[in-house]
Amino acid sequence: MDLLDYRVGSSLRLDIYGENGESLDHIFVSQVEEVIDAYEAYIAVPIVEGVVYAVRTGWALTAYMREGNNFYRFSARVMQRLQQDGRALLRILRLSEIEIAQRRRYYRFKCTVPFKYRVITNLKTDLNAPFKECRTADLSGSGLSFSTKARLDMDSLIECELTIDRKPIYLVGNITRCARGTEEDADRYDYQIGVYFSDVEEAKREMIIKFIFNEERRIMKRGIA
């Protein structure tokens, strides 16, 4: 597989590494604008919070693309930044083989999705307990995070109700992180909670992944418009 197999308009998710090789802490979304040959292509400069991001020549990146049920990735370097027909583009050079990414390495997409949860300590009684409403801070095919006023014990079990494309999805997860929130959030939330989906049907996981890619594409189009 090489870049000639990529279609113009294909959505990309980028991990970008700065001047000193450090991973930049953003969700970068791009798309293929033109394929030059098996090793080079033009891609759109990613948009972050409505602003074209200042990606520099020489920076390294890892590009991810979904094709069917598989995720593919490759390493590349930014060779040129240019304007063409009103578009901000990066000319990238592929440095590695294009390979299937490990499915367990789902990345977190920062988004607020309607979300409910309830703690499960007794399967006979807690399944009738009411859900608490909140919103996600980020979401992936393997878990999510959210903020709440309540402290939740590590490794405790919760049932989650996510609303994806106006449809409720029910998942079971374990609490993997319970940390004090920032001072800025102190008036609303006390704790930041991380959840790992311990038992999730593949069809539900695919719904989440599809939602994330569609949202990334929507953000990309909104940034270009």
Protein backbone atom coordinates (compact mmCIF):
# COMPACT_ATOMS: atom_id res chain seq x y z
CA MET A 1 0.00 0.00 0.00
CA ASP A 2 1.24 3.55 -0.80
CA LEU A 3 -0.12 7.09 -1.09
CA LEU A 4 -1.52 6.35 -4.55
CA ASP A 5 -4.13 4.23 -2.78
CA TYR A 6 -5.41 7.30 -0.92
CA ARG A 7 -8.39 9.10 -2.42
CA VAL A 8 -8.57 12.88 -2.67
CA GLY A 9 -10.82 14.04 0.16
CA SER A 10 -9.88 11.15 2.45
CA SER A 11 -10.07 12.28 6.08
CA LEU A 12 -6.84 12.14 8.10
CA ARG A 13 -6.14 12.41 11.80
CA LEU A 14 -2.64 13.70 12.53
CA ASP A 15 -0.25 13.43 15.44
CA ILE A 16 2.18 16.33 14.90
CA TYR A 17 5.61 16.66 16.52
CA GLY A 18 7.11 20.11 17.08
CA GLU A 19 10.55 21.65 16.81
CA ASN A 20 12.09 19.41 19.46
CA GLY A 21 10.16 16.29 18.54
CA GLU A 22 7.54 16.76 21.25
CA SER A 23 4.00 15.62 20.52
CA LEU A 24 1.67 18.63 20.23
CA ASP A 25 -1.38 18.43 22.46
CA HIS A 26 -4.18 18.90 19.93
CA ILE A 27 -6.55 16.82 17.87
CA PHE A 28 -5.41 17.62 14.32
CA VAL A 29 -7.77 16.91 11.44
CA SER A 30 -6.80 17.11 7.78
CA GLN A 31 -7.63 15.57 4.43
CA VAL A 32 -5.83 14.49 1.28
CA GLU A 33 -5.90 17.30 -1.31
CA GLU A 34 -3.64 15.83 -4.01
CA VAL A 35 -1.46 12.73 -4.36
CA ILE A 36 1.84 13.43 -6.14
CA ASP A 37 3.26 9.90 -6.20
CA ALA A 38 3.67 6.87 -3.94
CA TYR A 39 5.64 8.92 -1.39
CA GLU A 40 4.44 12.51 -1.59
CA ALA A 41 1.07 14.21 -1.24
CA TYR A 42 -0.52 17.55 -0.50
CA ILE A 43 -2.77 17.63 2.55
CA ALA A 44 -4.79 20.46 4.08
CA VAL A 45 -3.20 22.42 6.91
CA PRO A 46 -5.19 21.44 10.02
CA ILE A 47 -7.60 23.90 11.61
CA VAL A 48 -7.58 24.29 15.41
CA GLU A 49 -10.40 26.29 17.01
CA GLY A 50 -11.17 27.96 13.69
CA VAL A 51 -7.56 29.03 13.03
CA VAL A 52 -5.11 27.54 10.50
CA TYR A 53 -2.41 25.93 12.64
CA ALA A 54 1.18 27.10 12.17
CA VAL A 55 2.69 23.76 11.14
CA ARG A 56 6.32 24.33 10.11
CA THR A 57 8.50 22.84 7.41
CA GLY A 58 10.60 20.01 8.81
CA TRP A 59 8.13 18.92 11.48
CA ALA A 60 7.33 15.21 11.72
CA LEU A 61 3.86 13.72 11.86
CA THR A 62 1.97 10.45 12.01
CA ALA A 63 -1.10 10.24 9.78
CA TYR A 64 -4.06 7.94 10.48
CA MET A 65 -6.84 7.04 8.06
CA ARG A 66 -9.78 4.69 8.36
CA GLU A 67 -10.59 2.38 5.45
CA GLY A 68 -13.45 -0.03 6.04
CA ASN A 69 -12.92 -1.68 9.41
CA ASN A 70 -9.18 -0.97 9.52
CA PHE A 71 -7.05 1.98 10.61
CA TYR A 72 -3.89 2.72 8.66
CA ARG A 73 -0.97 4.90 9.66
CA PHE A 74 2.35 6.12 8.35
CA SER A 75 5.10 8.50 9.40
CA ALA A 76 5.90 11.57 7.33
CA ARG A 77 7.73 14.88 7.31
CA VAL A 78 6.47 18.30 6.26
CA MET A 79 8.54 19.34 3.24
CA GLN A 80 6.72 22.54 2.25
CA ARG A 81 3.91 24.83 3.32
CA LEU A 82 2.13 26.70 0.54
CA GLN A 83 -1.01 28.42 -0.68
CA GLN A 84 -2.72 27.04 -3.76
CA ASP A 85 -6.05 28.21 -5.19
CA GLY A 86 -6.91 29.76 -1.84
CA ARG A 87 -6.08 26.58 0.10
CA ALA A 88 -3.43 26.28 2.83
CA LEU A 89 -1.51 23.09 2.06
CA LEU A 90 1.32 20.97 3.37
CA ARG A 91 3.49 18.89 1.05
CA ILE A 92 4.42 15.80 3.02
CA LEU A 93 6.94 13.04 2.37
CA ARG A 94 6.06 9.53 3.55
CA LEU A 95 8.93 8.06 5.60
CA SER A 96 7.52 4.68 6.60
CA GLU A 97 5.41 1.88 5.22
CA ILE A 98 1.66 2.33 5.49
CA GLU A 99 0.57 -0.24 8.06
CA ILE A 100 -2.54 -1.30 9.91
CA ALA A 101 -2.61 0.44 13.28
CA GLN A 102 -3.25 -1.64 16.37
CA ARG A 103 -6.98 -1.49 17.12
CA ARG A 104 -6.31 -1.25 20.85
CA ARG A 105 -4.68 2.14 20.33
CA TYR A 106 -7.81 4.22 19.93
CA TYR A 107 -7.11 7.90 20.23
CA ARG A 108 -9.19 10.28 22.30
CA PHE A 109 -11.34 12.83 20.49
CA LYS A 110 -12.15 15.94 22.50
CA CYS A 111 -15.90 16.42 22.28
CA THR A 112 -18.97 17.04 24.40
CA VAL A 113 -21.59 14.35 23.87
CA PRO A 114 -24.73 13.92 26.00
CA PHE A 115 -23.85 11.28 28.55
CA LYS A 116 -25.44 9.56 31.55
CA TYR A 117 -23.97 7.12 34.05
CA ARG A 118 -24.82 5.12 37.13
CA VAL A 119 -22.55 3.17 39.43
CA ILE A 120 -23.12 -0.59 39.51
CA THR A 121 -22.26 -2.34 42.78
CA ASN A 122 -25.14 -4.79 42.85
CA LEU A 123 -26.47 -6.18 39.57
CA LYS A 124 -29.80 -7.07 41.17
CA THR A 125 -30.64 -3.60 42.51
CA ASP A 126 -28.48 -0.97 40.81
CA LEU A 127 -29.86 -1.62 37.33
CA ASN A 128 -33.01 0.17 38.50
CA ALA A 129 -31.09 3.18 39.85
CA PRO A 130 -31.51 6.53 38.04
CA PHE A 131 -28.81 7.81 35.71
CA LYS A 132 -26.86 11.00 36.44
CA GLU A 133 -26.64 13.39 33.51
CA CYS A 134 -23.44 15.06 32.32
CA ARG A 135 -21.36 15.44 29.13
CA THR A 136 -18.18 13.82 27.92
CA ALA A 137 -14.84 15.66 27.79
CA ASP A 138 -13.39 13.23 25.26
CA LEU A 139 -14.37 9.97 23.60
CA SER A 140 -12.69 7.02 21.89
CA GLY A 141 -13.49 3.50 20.80
CA SER A 142 -12.12 2.22 24.11
CA GLY A 143 -13.39 4.71 26.66
CA LEU A 144 -14.24 8.28 27.62
CA SER A 145 -13.67 10.92 30.25
CA PHE A 146 -16.04 13.31 31.99
CA SER A 147 -16.23 15.67 34.97
CA THR A 148 -18.55 15.34 37.92
CA LYS A 149 -19.13 16.59 41.45
CA ALA A 150 -19.11 13.04 42.80
CA ARG A 151 -15.98 11.11 43.68
CA LEU A 152 -15.94 7.65 42.06
CA ASP A 153 -13.80 4.79 43.34
CA MET A 154 -11.05 3.40 41.13
CA ASP A 155 -11.95 0.14 39.37
CA SER A 156 -15.62 0.57 40.21
CA LEU A 157 -18.12 -0.44 37.54
CA ILE A 158 -20.45 2.02 35.83
CA GLU A 159 -23.11 1.73 33.17
CA CYS A 160 -22.90 4.46 30.53
CA GLU A 161 -25.60 5.82 28.26
CA LEU A 162 -24.15 7.73 25.29
CA THR A 163 -26.24 9.59 22.75
CA ILE A 164 -24.68 9.16 19.31
CA ASP A 165 -26.54 10.62 16.33
CA ARG A 166 -29.63 10.90 18.55
CA LYS A 167 -29.50 7.21 19.42
CA PRO A 168 -28.74 5.92 22.94
CA ILE A 169 -25.88 3.42 23.29
CA TYR A 170 -25.41 1.51 26.54
CA LEU A 171 -21.92 0.43 27.63
CA VAL A 172 -20.28 -0.92 30.76
CA GLY A 173 -16.93 0.46 31.90
CA ASN A 174 -14.42 0.58 34.73
CA ILE A 175 -13.19 3.76 36.41
CA THR A 176 -9.49 4.07 35.54
CA ARG A 177 -8.90 7.63 36.76
CA CYS A 178 -10.43 9.88 39.40
CA ALA A 179 -8.48 13.11 39.78
CA ARG A 180 -9.23 16.47 41.31
CA GLY A 181 -10.45 18.99 38.74
CA THR A 182 -8.69 22.26 37.94
CA GLU A 183 -9.35 25.45 39.88
CA GLU A 184 -11.21 26.84 36.85
CA ASP A 185 -13.72 23.99 37.09
CA ALA A 186 -14.04 24.07 40.87
CA ASP A 187 -17.37 25.90 40.79
CA ARG A 188 -18.95 23.20 38.61
CA TYR A 189 -16.94 19.99 38.97
CA ASP A 190 -14.75 18.42 41.62
CA TYR A 191 -13.41 15.35 39.83
CA GLN A 192 -12.21 14.33 36.38
CA ILE A 193 -13.13 10.72 35.64
CA GLY A 194 -11.62 8.32 33.12
CA VAL A 195 -13.56 5.26 31.95
CA TYR A 196 -12.40 2.17 30.06
CA PHE A 197 -15.11 0.19 28.27
CA SER A 198 -14.63 -3.25 29.79
CA ASP A 199 -17.32 -4.98 27.75
CA VAL A 200 -18.36 -3.42 24.44
CA GLU A 201 -19.90 -5.00 21.38
CA GLU A 202 -17.93 -4.40 18.19
CA ALA A 203 -20.99 -2.89 16.50
CA LYS A 204 -21.26 -0.26 19.24
CA ARG A 205 -17.55 0.47 19.05
CA GLU A 206 -17.87 0.96 15.29
CA MET A 207 -20.75 3.42 15.86
CA ILE A 208 -18.51 5.48 18.15
CA ILE A 209 -15.56 5.40 15.74
CA LYS A 210 -17.77 6.34 12.80
CA PHE A 211 -19.19 9.25 14.82
CA ILE A 212 -15.67 10.49 15.65
CA PHE A 213 -14.53 10.41 12.02
CA ASN A 214 -17.71 12.13 10.84
CA GLU A 215 -17.25 14.85 13.47
CA GLU A 216 -13.63 15.33 12.44
CA ARG A 217 -14.68 15.69 8.80
CA ARG A 218 -17.39 18.19 9.81
CA ILE A 219 -14.87 20.24 11.80
CA MET A 220 -12.47 20.18 8.87
CA LYS A 221 -15.11 21.41 6.42
CA ARG A 222 -16.27 24.12 8.81
CA GLY A 223 -12.68 25.33 9.19
CA ILE A 224 -12.14 25.51 5.43
CA ALA A 225 -15.45 27.24 4.71
